[in-house]
Amino acid sequence: MKKSLFMLLLLFSICTLSAQQQNDSIASLYEKQNEVKLNAVMLLAGVFEASYERNLNEESSVGISFLTPYDNENSDADINYYISPYYRVFFGKKYAAGFFIEGFGMLNSIDRDYEVQESGMYYTYEEKSVTDFALGFGLGGKWVTKSGFVFELVGGIGRNLFQNDYDDSQIVGKFGFNLGYRFN
């Protein structure tokens, strides 16, 4: 009787340890710390945007995005580049995934036309590159597959902080459908 009870207890503990190891390996797929992403919507518009994100814990992450146009003929964007660090807080049940809110900063450079009066009543326009810094917030959702692929939908709006004579638009935005990969 003692032998069969001991064997049953041993079998039960081995099964429990095996189930625990399987759950840990599935959880570790989601708990990888690094992500690289490309914005697929912007690629179609002639603009390259790449992001790197580091997951701090299950509820927050920090990252940085870089955007620059690569097809100036087909792109309507006046933007030369932006570099945007951000911080995110997640509200999902999975590790650093689900609905999130984001606070971001954005160093941006935009081409603007401004008027120059030559003589009399004739005006000409000259293009000037204007650099500014914006603060803003965004909302989005992130989904992560078991194999580590990341799908993200994000949108945000911000305001440039510095006034200048050449920039009439103080509002900046960022949006996209990002595709990427999560790794250690």
N, C-alpha and C. Protein backbone atom coordinates (compact mmCIF):
# COMPACT_ATOMS: atom_id res chain seq x y z
N MET A 1 0.82 -1.19 0.00
CA MET A 1 0.00 0.00 0.00
C MET A 1 0.87 1.26 0.00
N LYS A 2 1.91 1.25 0.83
CA LYS A 2 2.80 2.40 0.89
C LYS A 2 3.52 2.60 -0.43
N LYS A 3 3.92 1.48 -1.08
CA LYS A 3 4.61 1.59 -2.35
C LYS A 3 3.71 2.18 -3.42
N SER A 4 2.47 1.74 -3.49
CA SER A 4 1.56 2.26 -4.53
C SER A 4 1.21 3.72 -4.26
N LEU A 5 1.07 4.10 -3.00
CA LEU A 5 0.81 5.50 -2.67
C LEU A 5 2.01 6.37 -3.03
N PHE A 6 3.21 5.86 -2.74
CA PHE A 6 4.43 6.58 -3.09
C PHE A 6 4.56 6.73 -4.61
N MET A 7 4.28 5.67 -5.35
CA MET A 7 4.36 5.71 -6.81
C MET A 7 3.34 6.68 -7.39
N LEU A 8 2.13 6.69 -6.84
CA LEU A 8 1.09 7.60 -7.30
C LEU A 8 1.49 9.06 -7.04
N LEU A 9 2.03 9.32 -5.88
CA LEU A 9 2.49 10.66 -5.54
C LEU A 9 3.66 11.09 -6.44
N LEU A 10 4.58 10.20 -6.72
CA LEU A 10 5.71 10.48 -7.60
C LEU A 10 5.23 10.77 -9.02
N LEU A 11 4.30 9.97 -9.53
CA LEU A 11 3.74 10.18 -10.86
C LEU A 11 3.01 11.52 -10.95
N PHE A 12 2.24 11.85 -9.94
CA PHE A 12 1.52 13.12 -9.91
C PHE A 12 2.48 14.31 -9.91
N SER A 13 3.56 14.24 -9.16
CA SER A 13 4.53 15.36 -9.10
C SER A 13 5.29 15.49 -10.42
N ILE A 14 5.60 14.39 -11.09
CA ILE A 14 6.27 14.47 -12.40
C ILE A 14 5.35 15.12 -13.42
N CYS A 15 4.07 14.74 -13.43
CA CYS A 15 3.12 15.35 -14.36
C CYS A 15 2.96 16.84 -14.09
N THR A 16 2.93 17.22 -12.81
CA THR A 16 2.80 18.63 -12.45
C THR A 16 4.02 19.42 -12.90
N LEU A 17 5.21 18.89 -12.71
CA LEU A 17 6.43 19.58 -13.16
C LEU A 17 6.47 19.71 -14.68
N SER A 18 6.03 18.69 -15.38
CA SER A 18 6.02 18.74 -16.84
C SER A 18 5.05 19.80 -17.34
N ALA A 19 3.86 19.88 -16.73
CA ALA A 19 2.89 20.90 -17.13
C ALA A 19 3.42 22.30 -16.83
N GLN A 20 4.11 22.45 -15.69
CA GLN A 20 4.68 23.75 -15.32
C GLN A 20 5.74 24.18 -16.34
N GLN A 21 6.59 23.25 -16.80
CA GLN A 21 7.62 23.58 -17.77
C GLN A 21 7.01 23.99 -19.10
N GLN A 22 5.93 23.32 -19.52
CA GLN A 22 5.27 23.68 -20.77
C GLN A 22 4.66 25.08 -20.68
N ASN A 23 4.00 25.40 -19.57
CA ASN A 23 3.43 26.73 -19.39
C ASN A 23 4.51 27.81 -19.37
N ASP A 24 5.67 27.50 -18.74
CA ASP A 24 6.77 28.46 -18.70
C ASP A 24 7.33 28.71 -20.09
N SER A 25 7.44 27.66 -20.92
CA SER A 25 7.99 27.86 -22.26
C SER A 25 7.03 28.66 -23.14
N ILE A 26 5.72 28.46 -22.99
CA ILE A 26 4.75 29.25 -23.74
C ILE A 26 4.79 30.70 -23.28
N ALA A 27 4.87 30.92 -21.98
CA ALA A 27 4.93 32.29 -21.45
C ALA A 27 6.22 32.98 -21.90
N SER A 28 7.33 32.23 -21.99
CA SER A 28 8.59 32.86 -22.38
C SER A 28 8.56 33.35 -23.83
N LEU A 29 7.70 32.75 -24.67
CA LEU A 29 7.56 33.24 -26.04
C LEU A 29 7.06 34.68 -26.04
N TYR A 30 6.15 35.00 -25.15
CA TYR A 30 5.58 36.34 -25.10
C TYR A 30 6.46 37.32 -24.34
N GLU A 31 7.29 36.83 -23.44
CA GLU A 31 8.06 37.69 -22.55
C GLU A 31 9.42 38.08 -23.10
N LYS A 32 9.63 37.96 -24.38
CA LYS A 32 10.88 38.41 -24.97
C LYS A 32 10.92 39.93 -24.90
N GLN A 33 12.12 40.48 -24.79
CA GLN A 33 12.26 41.89 -24.43
C GLN A 33 12.37 42.87 -25.58
N ASN A 34 12.83 42.46 -26.75
CA ASN A 34 13.14 43.38 -27.85
C ASN A 34 12.20 43.18 -29.03
N GLU A 35 11.90 44.28 -29.72
CA GLU A 35 11.07 44.23 -30.92
C GLU A 35 11.65 45.17 -31.97
N VAL A 36 11.63 44.74 -33.22
CA VAL A 36 11.92 45.60 -34.36
C VAL A 36 10.69 45.56 -35.27
N LYS A 37 10.32 46.74 -35.82
CA LYS A 37 9.08 46.84 -36.59
C LYS A 37 9.26 47.78 -37.77
N LEU A 38 8.49 47.54 -38.82
CA LEU A 38 8.39 48.43 -39.98
C LEU A 38 6.94 48.84 -40.14
N ASN A 39 6.72 50.09 -40.53
CA ASN A 39 5.38 50.60 -40.76
C ASN A 39 4.99 50.30 -42.21
N ALA A 40 4.09 49.34 -42.40
CA ALA A 40 3.70 48.89 -43.74
C ALA A 40 2.92 49.95 -44.50
N VAL A 41 2.09 50.73 -43.84
CA VAL A 41 1.30 51.78 -44.50
C VAL A 41 2.20 52.85 -45.07
N MET A 42 3.18 53.27 -44.31
CA MET A 42 4.10 54.31 -44.78
C MET A 42 4.98 53.82 -45.92
N LEU A 43 5.35 52.54 -45.92
CA LEU A 43 6.13 52.00 -47.04
C LEU A 43 5.38 52.14 -48.35
N LEU A 44 4.06 51.91 -48.31
CA LEU A 44 3.24 52.06 -49.51
C LEU A 44 3.16 53.51 -49.96
N ALA A 45 3.31 54.45 -49.04
CA ALA A 45 3.23 55.88 -49.36
C ALA A 45 4.58 56.48 -49.74
N GLY A 46 5.64 55.67 -49.81
CA GLY A 46 6.95 56.19 -50.19
C GLY A 46 7.76 56.71 -49.03
N VAL A 47 7.43 56.28 -47.82
CA VAL A 47 8.12 56.75 -46.62
C VAL A 47 8.56 55.52 -45.81
N PHE A 48 9.81 55.52 -45.35
CA PHE A 48 10.36 54.43 -44.54
C PHE A 48 10.27 54.80 -43.07
N GLU A 49 9.62 53.94 -42.27
CA GLU A 49 9.59 54.14 -40.83
C GLU A 49 9.93 52.83 -40.15
N ALA A 50 10.96 52.84 -39.32
CA ALA A 50 11.39 51.67 -38.55
C ALA A 50 11.35 52.02 -37.07
N SER A 51 11.06 51.00 -36.24
CA SER A 51 10.98 51.20 -34.79
C SER A 51 11.73 50.09 -34.07
N TYR A 52 12.29 50.47 -32.93
CA TYR A 52 12.85 49.51 -31.98
C TYR A 52 12.13 49.75 -30.66
N GLU A 53 11.72 48.66 -30.02
CA GLU A 53 11.01 48.78 -28.74
C GLU A 53 11.58 47.78 -27.75
N ARG A 54 11.73 48.22 -26.51
CA ARG A 54 12.23 47.37 -25.42
C ARG A 54 11.13 47.25 -24.38
N ASN A 55 10.68 46.02 -24.12
CA ASN A 55 9.66 45.76 -23.12
C ASN A 55 10.30 45.80 -21.74
N LEU A 56 9.80 46.68 -20.88
CA LEU A 56 10.35 46.82 -19.54
C LEU A 56 9.77 45.78 -18.59
N ASN A 57 8.48 45.54 -18.71
CA ASN A 57 7.78 44.53 -17.93
C ASN A 57 6.49 44.18 -18.66
N GLU A 58 5.58 43.50 -18.02
CA GLU A 58 4.36 43.07 -18.71
C GLU A 58 3.40 44.22 -19.02
N GLU A 59 3.61 45.38 -18.42
CA GLU A 59 2.69 46.50 -18.59
C GLU A 59 3.28 47.72 -19.27
N SER A 60 4.58 47.75 -19.57
CA SER A 60 5.15 48.96 -20.15
C SER A 60 6.36 48.66 -21.04
N SER A 61 6.63 49.62 -21.91
CA SER A 61 7.78 49.51 -22.81
C SER A 61 8.24 50.91 -23.21
N VAL A 62 9.46 50.99 -23.71
CA VAL A 62 10.00 52.22 -24.29
C VAL A 62 10.51 51.89 -25.68
N GLY A 63 10.51 52.89 -26.55
CA GLY A 63 10.97 52.65 -27.90
C GLY A 63 11.34 53.92 -28.61
N ILE A 64 11.79 53.76 -29.85
CA ILE A 64 12.15 54.90 -30.69
C ILE A 64 11.81 54.55 -32.13
N SER A 65 11.27 55.54 -32.84
CA SER A 65 10.92 55.40 -34.25
C SER A 65 11.73 56.39 -35.07
N PHE A 66 12.07 55.99 -36.28
CA PHE A 66 12.76 56.87 -37.23
C PHE A 66 12.01 56.82 -38.55
N LEU A 67 11.70 57.99 -39.11
CA LEU A 67 10.96 58.08 -40.36
C LEU A 67 11.69 58.99 -41.32
N THR A 68 11.77 58.57 -42.59
CA THR A 68 12.33 59.40 -43.65
C THR A 68 11.73 58.97 -44.99
N PRO A 69 11.42 59.92 -45.87
CA PRO A 69 10.90 59.55 -47.19
C PRO A 69 12.00 58.97 -48.08
N TYR A 70 11.65 57.97 -48.87
CA TYR A 70 12.60 57.42 -49.82
C TYR A 70 12.17 57.64 -51.27
N ASP A 71 10.93 58.03 -51.49
CA ASP A 71 10.41 58.26 -52.84
C ASP A 71 9.78 59.64 -52.88
N ASN A 72 10.59 60.68 -53.08
CA ASN A 72 10.10 62.06 -53.04
C ASN A 72 9.17 62.39 -54.19
N GLU A 73 9.28 61.70 -55.32
CA GLU A 73 8.42 61.99 -56.47
C GLU A 73 6.98 61.55 -56.24
N ASN A 74 6.80 60.41 -55.61
CA ASN A 74 5.46 59.87 -55.40
C ASN A 74 4.90 60.17 -54.02
N SER A 75 5.72 60.69 -53.13
CA SER A 75 5.28 60.97 -51.77
C SER A 75 4.79 62.42 -51.66
N ASP A 76 3.64 62.61 -51.04
CA ASP A 76 3.11 63.95 -50.82
C ASP A 76 3.63 64.57 -49.52
N ALA A 77 4.45 63.84 -48.81
CA ALA A 77 4.92 64.30 -47.50
C ALA A 77 5.93 65.43 -47.64
N ASP A 78 5.76 66.46 -46.84
CA ASP A 78 6.71 67.56 -46.77
C ASP A 78 7.78 67.29 -45.73
N ILE A 79 7.66 66.17 -45.04
CA ILE A 79 8.56 65.88 -43.93
C ILE A 79 9.89 65.36 -44.46
N ASN A 80 10.97 65.82 -43.86
CA ASN A 80 12.30 65.33 -44.20
C ASN A 80 12.67 64.11 -43.36
N TYR A 81 12.35 64.18 -42.06
CA TYR A 81 12.59 63.07 -41.15
C TYR A 81 11.89 63.36 -39.84
N TYR A 82 11.72 62.31 -39.03
CA TYR A 82 11.45 62.51 -37.61
C TYR A 82 12.05 61.37 -36.82
N ILE A 83 12.45 61.71 -35.60
CA ILE A 83 12.94 60.75 -34.62
C ILE A 83 12.03 60.89 -33.42
N SER A 84 11.39 59.79 -33.02
CA SER A 84 10.35 59.88 -32.01
C SER A 84 10.53 58.82 -30.92
N PRO A 85 11.07 59.20 -29.74
CA PRO A 85 11.09 58.28 -28.61
C PRO A 85 9.70 58.23 -27.97
N TYR A 86 9.33 57.07 -27.41
CA TYR A 86 8.01 56.93 -26.82
C TYR A 86 8.03 55.99 -25.62
N TYR A 87 6.99 56.12 -24.79
CA TYR A 87 6.76 55.25 -23.64
C TYR A 87 5.32 54.75 -23.72
N ARG A 88 5.11 53.46 -23.52
CA ARG A 88 3.78 52.87 -23.63
C ARG A 88 3.39 52.14 -22.35
N VAL A 89 2.09 52.21 -22.05
CA VAL A 89 1.50 51.46 -20.95
C VAL A 89 0.43 50.57 -21.55
N PHE A 90 0.51 49.25 -21.28
CA PHE A 90 -0.39 48.26 -21.86
C PHE A 90 -1.48 47.87 -20.87
N PHE A 91 -2.66 47.55 -21.42
CA PHE A 91 -3.79 47.14 -20.61
C PHE A 91 -4.29 45.75 -20.99
N GLY A 92 -3.50 44.97 -21.71
CA GLY A 92 -3.90 43.63 -22.14
C GLY A 92 -3.54 42.58 -21.11
N LYS A 93 -4.00 41.35 -21.36
CA LYS A 93 -3.71 40.23 -20.47
C LYS A 93 -2.40 39.56 -20.80
N LYS A 94 -1.92 39.70 -22.04
CA LYS A 94 -0.65 39.10 -22.43
C LYS A 94 0.50 40.05 -22.10
N TYR A 95 1.72 39.51 -22.14
CA TYR A 95 2.91 40.27 -21.81
C TYR A 95 3.16 41.36 -22.84
N ALA A 96 3.11 42.63 -22.42
CA ALA A 96 3.37 43.81 -23.26
C ALA A 96 2.60 43.72 -24.58
N ALA A 97 1.30 43.48 -24.48
CA ALA A 97 0.45 43.40 -25.67
C ALA A 97 -0.96 43.83 -25.29
N GLY A 98 -1.79 44.06 -26.31
CA GLY A 98 -3.16 44.50 -26.10
C GLY A 98 -3.29 45.99 -26.33
N PHE A 99 -4.35 46.57 -25.80
CA PHE A 99 -4.59 48.01 -25.91
C PHE A 99 -3.51 48.77 -25.15
N PHE A 100 -3.04 49.90 -25.71
CA PHE A 100 -2.03 50.70 -25.02
C PHE A 100 -2.27 52.19 -25.25
N ILE A 101 -1.73 52.99 -24.32
CA ILE A 101 -1.63 54.43 -24.50
C ILE A 101 -0.15 54.76 -24.56
N GLU A 102 0.17 55.85 -25.25
CA GLU A 102 1.57 56.18 -25.50
C GLU A 102 1.79 57.68 -25.32
N GLY A 103 2.90 58.03 -24.73
CA GLY A 103 3.36 59.41 -24.72
C GLY A 103 4.63 59.47 -25.56
N PHE A 104 4.77 60.49 -26.40
CA PHE A 104 5.94 60.54 -27.27
C PHE A 104 6.48 61.95 -27.41
N GLY A 105 7.73 62.02 -27.76
CA GLY A 105 8.39 63.24 -28.19
C GLY A 105 8.74 63.05 -29.66
N MET A 106 8.91 64.15 -30.39
CA MET A 106 9.22 64.01 -31.81
C MET A 106 10.09 65.17 -32.28
N LEU A 107 11.33 64.86 -32.65
CA LEU A 107 12.19 65.83 -33.32
C LEU A 107 11.89 65.68 -34.80
N ASN A 108 11.36 66.74 -35.43
CA ASN A 108 10.92 66.63 -36.82
C ASN A 108 11.48 67.78 -37.66
N SER A 109 11.68 67.48 -38.94
CA SER A 109 12.14 68.46 -39.91
C SER A 109 11.17 68.44 -41.08
N ILE A 110 10.60 69.62 -41.40
CA ILE A 110 9.57 69.74 -42.43
C ILE A 110 9.96 70.84 -43.40
N ASP A 111 9.69 70.63 -44.68
CA ASP A 111 9.88 71.68 -45.68
C ASP A 111 8.64 72.56 -45.72
N ARG A 112 8.83 73.87 -45.57
CA ARG A 112 7.72 74.83 -45.61
C ARG A 112 8.00 75.90 -46.64
N ASP A 113 6.96 76.36 -47.31
CA ASP A 113 7.06 77.48 -48.24
C ASP A 113 6.74 78.77 -47.48
N TYR A 114 7.50 79.81 -47.73
CA TYR A 114 7.19 81.10 -47.14
C TYR A 114 7.30 82.17 -48.22
N GLU A 115 6.55 83.24 -47.99
CA GLU A 115 6.47 84.32 -48.99
C GLU A 115 7.66 85.26 -48.88
N VAL A 116 8.14 85.67 -50.05
CA VAL A 116 9.18 86.68 -50.12
C VAL A 116 8.68 87.73 -51.11
N GLN A 117 8.62 88.98 -50.68
CA GLN A 117 8.16 90.06 -51.56
C GLN A 117 9.36 90.58 -52.33
N GLU A 118 9.28 90.47 -53.65
CA GLU A 118 10.40 90.96 -54.48
C GLU A 118 10.27 92.45 -54.71
N SER A 119 9.34 92.82 -55.56
CA SER A 119 9.16 94.24 -55.83
C SER A 119 7.70 94.49 -56.17
N GLY A 120 7.19 95.54 -55.62
CA GLY A 120 5.81 95.90 -55.91
C GLY A 120 4.83 94.90 -55.34
N MET A 121 3.98 94.37 -56.20
CA MET A 121 2.90 93.48 -55.77
C MET A 121 3.20 92.01 -56.02
N TYR A 122 4.37 91.69 -56.51
CA TYR A 122 4.68 90.30 -56.85
C TYR A 122 5.34 89.59 -55.67
N TYR A 123 4.83 88.41 -55.37
CA TYR A 123 5.37 87.60 -54.29
C TYR A 123 5.93 86.30 -54.88
N THR A 124 6.97 85.84 -54.30
CA THR A 124 7.51 84.54 -54.66
C THR A 124 7.55 83.69 -53.39
N TYR A 125 7.64 82.42 -53.60
CA TYR A 125 7.69 81.49 -52.46
C TYR A 125 9.02 80.76 -52.48
N GLU A 126 9.63 80.67 -51.32
CA GLU A 126 10.85 79.92 -51.16
C GLU A 126 10.62 78.81 -50.15
N GLU A 127 11.30 77.71 -50.39
CA GLU A 127 11.16 76.57 -49.49
C GLU A 127 12.24 76.64 -48.42
N LYS A 128 11.84 76.40 -47.19
CA LYS A 128 12.77 76.43 -46.07
C LYS A 128 12.53 75.19 -45.23
N SER A 129 13.60 74.56 -44.80
CA SER A 129 13.52 73.40 -43.92
C SER A 129 13.42 73.88 -42.48
N VAL A 130 12.39 73.44 -41.76
CA VAL A 130 12.14 73.88 -40.39
C VAL A 130 12.24 72.67 -39.47
N THR A 131 13.04 72.78 -38.41
CA THR A 131 13.19 71.72 -37.42
C THR A 131 12.50 72.16 -36.14
N ASP A 132 11.74 71.22 -35.54
CA ASP A 132 11.00 71.54 -34.32
C ASP A 132 10.92 70.29 -33.46
N PHE A 133 10.46 70.47 -32.22
CA PHE A 133 10.26 69.35 -31.31
C PHE A 133 8.82 69.37 -30.82
N ALA A 134 8.18 68.21 -30.86
CA ALA A 134 6.78 68.10 -30.45
C ALA A 134 6.64 67.11 -29.30
N LEU A 135 5.57 67.30 -28.52
CA LEU A 135 5.14 66.34 -27.51
C LEU A 135 3.73 65.92 -27.86
N GLY A 136 3.40 64.65 -27.62
CA GLY A 136 2.07 64.18 -27.96
C GLY A 136 1.72 62.88 -27.27
N PHE A 137 0.55 62.35 -27.63
CA PHE A 137 0.08 61.08 -27.08
C PHE A 137 -0.57 60.27 -28.19
N GLY A 138 -0.67 58.98 -27.96
CA GLY A 138 -1.26 58.10 -28.96
C GLY A 138 -1.99 56.94 -28.31
N LEU A 139 -2.75 56.23 -29.13
CA LEU A 139 -3.49 55.04 -28.73
C LEU A 139 -3.23 53.95 -29.74
N GLY A 140 -3.36 52.71 -29.31
CA GLY A 140 -3.17 51.64 -30.27
C GLY A 140 -3.42 50.28 -29.67
N GLY A 141 -3.16 49.27 -30.48
CA GLY A 141 -3.29 47.89 -30.07
C GLY A 141 -2.15 47.08 -30.63
N LYS A 142 -1.68 46.10 -29.85
CA LYS A 142 -0.58 45.24 -30.28
C LYS A 142 -0.97 43.79 -30.07
N TRP A 143 -0.69 42.98 -31.09
CA TRP A 143 -0.94 41.55 -31.03
C TRP A 143 0.37 40.83 -31.31
N VAL A 144 0.65 39.77 -30.53
CA VAL A 144 1.88 39.00 -30.66
C VAL A 144 1.52 37.53 -30.86
N THR A 145 2.11 36.90 -31.89
CA THR A 145 1.87 35.48 -32.12
C THR A 145 2.83 34.66 -31.27
N LYS A 146 2.57 33.36 -31.18
CA LYS A 146 3.44 32.47 -30.41
C LYS A 146 4.84 32.39 -30.99
N SER A 147 4.97 32.59 -32.30
CA SER A 147 6.29 32.53 -32.92
C SER A 147 7.06 33.85 -32.81
N GLY A 148 6.43 34.90 -32.25
CA GLY A 148 7.13 36.16 -32.01
C GLY A 148 6.82 37.27 -32.99
N PHE A 149 5.95 37.02 -33.97
CA PHE A 149 5.59 38.10 -34.91
C PHE A 149 4.66 39.09 -34.23
N VAL A 150 4.87 40.37 -34.52
CA VAL A 150 4.13 41.45 -33.88
C VAL A 150 3.31 42.19 -34.94
N PHE A 151 2.03 42.44 -34.63
CA PHE A 151 1.15 43.25 -35.46
C PHE A 151 0.66 44.40 -34.58
N GLU A 152 0.74 45.62 -35.11
CA GLU A 152 0.44 46.77 -34.27
C GLU A 152 -0.30 47.83 -35.09
N LEU A 153 -1.35 48.37 -34.51
CA LEU A 153 -2.10 49.47 -35.10
C LEU A 153 -1.99 50.64 -34.12
N VAL A 154 -1.48 51.80 -34.61
CA VAL A 154 -1.20 52.92 -33.70
C VAL A 154 -1.53 54.24 -34.39
N GLY A 155 -1.98 55.20 -33.60
CA GLY A 155 -2.22 56.55 -34.08
C GLY A 155 -1.94 57.53 -32.95
N GLY A 156 -1.39 58.68 -33.31
CA GLY A 156 -1.08 59.67 -32.28
C GLY A 156 -1.07 61.07 -32.85
N ILE A 157 -1.19 62.04 -31.95
CA ILE A 157 -1.20 63.44 -32.33
C ILE A 157 -0.38 64.22 -31.31
N GLY A 158 0.32 65.24 -31.80
CA GLY A 158 1.15 66.05 -30.93
C GLY A 158 1.20 67.48 -31.42
N ARG A 159 1.92 68.32 -30.66
CA ARG A 159 2.03 69.73 -31.00
C ARG A 159 3.48 70.15 -30.91
N ASN A 160 3.93 70.85 -31.97
CA ASN A 160 5.28 71.42 -31.95
C ASN A 160 5.36 72.49 -30.87
N LEU A 161 6.49 72.55 -30.20
CA LEU A 161 6.63 73.44 -29.05
C LEU A 161 7.21 74.81 -29.37
N PHE A 162 7.93 74.94 -30.46
CA PHE A 162 8.63 76.18 -30.74
C PHE A 162 7.97 76.92 -31.89
N GLN A 163 7.69 78.18 -31.69
CA GLN A 163 7.11 79.03 -32.73
C GLN A 163 8.22 79.54 -33.62
N ASN A 164 7.94 79.65 -34.91
CA ASN A 164 8.89 80.28 -35.81
C ASN A 164 8.13 80.94 -36.96
N ASP A 165 8.80 81.73 -37.73
CA ASP A 165 8.15 82.50 -38.80
C ASP A 165 7.75 81.65 -39.99
N TYR A 166 8.33 80.48 -40.13
CA TYR A 166 8.13 79.70 -41.34
C TYR A 166 7.10 78.60 -41.18
N ASP A 167 6.75 78.24 -39.98
CA ASP A 167 5.90 77.08 -39.74
C ASP A 167 4.51 77.52 -39.31
N ASP A 168 3.53 77.30 -40.18
CA ASP A 168 2.16 77.67 -39.83
C ASP A 168 1.40 76.50 -39.21
N SER A 169 1.88 75.30 -39.33
CA SER A 169 1.21 74.12 -38.78
C SER A 169 1.97 73.64 -37.55
N GLN A 170 1.34 73.70 -36.42
CA GLN A 170 1.98 73.28 -35.18
C GLN A 170 1.59 71.85 -34.77
N ILE A 171 0.65 71.23 -35.49
CA ILE A 171 0.17 69.90 -35.15
C ILE A 171 0.93 68.86 -35.96
N VAL A 172 1.39 67.80 -35.28
CA VAL A 172 2.05 66.67 -35.95
C VAL A 172 1.26 65.40 -35.63
N GLY A 173 1.40 64.42 -36.49
CA GLY A 173 0.72 63.16 -36.27
C GLY A 173 1.60 61.99 -36.63
N LYS A 174 1.27 60.85 -36.08
CA LYS A 174 1.92 59.61 -36.47
C LYS A 174 0.88 58.50 -36.42
N PHE A 175 0.94 57.65 -37.41
CA PHE A 175 -0.01 56.53 -37.48
C PHE A 175 0.61 55.41 -38.30
N GLY A 176 0.03 54.23 -38.17
CA GLY A 176 0.51 53.15 -39.01
C GLY A 176 0.05 51.78 -38.58
N PHE A 177 0.37 50.86 -39.44
CA PHE A 177 0.18 49.43 -39.20
C PHE A 177 1.56 48.81 -39.23
N ASN A 178 2.08 48.52 -38.06
CA ASN A 178 3.47 48.04 -37.94
C ASN A 178 3.52 46.54 -37.92
N LEU A 179 4.48 45.98 -38.63
CA LEU A 179 4.75 44.55 -38.64
C LEU A 179 6.17 44.35 -38.14
N GLY A 180 6.37 43.37 -37.26
CA GLY A 180 7.71 43.18 -36.72
C GLY A 180 7.91 41.84 -36.08
N TYR A 181 8.96 41.76 -35.28
CA TYR A 181 9.34 40.51 -34.63
C TYR A 181 9.86 40.80 -33.23
N ARG A 182 9.45 39.95 -32.27
CA ARG A 182 9.87 40.07 -30.88
C ARG A 182 10.93 39.00 -30.62
N PHE A 183 12.05 39.41 -29.99
CA PHE A 183 13.16 38.49 -29.74
C PHE A 183 13.84 38.87 -28.43
N ASN A 184 14.78 38.01 -27.99
CA ASN A 184 15.56 38.29 -26.77
C ASN A 184 16.78 39.08 -27.06
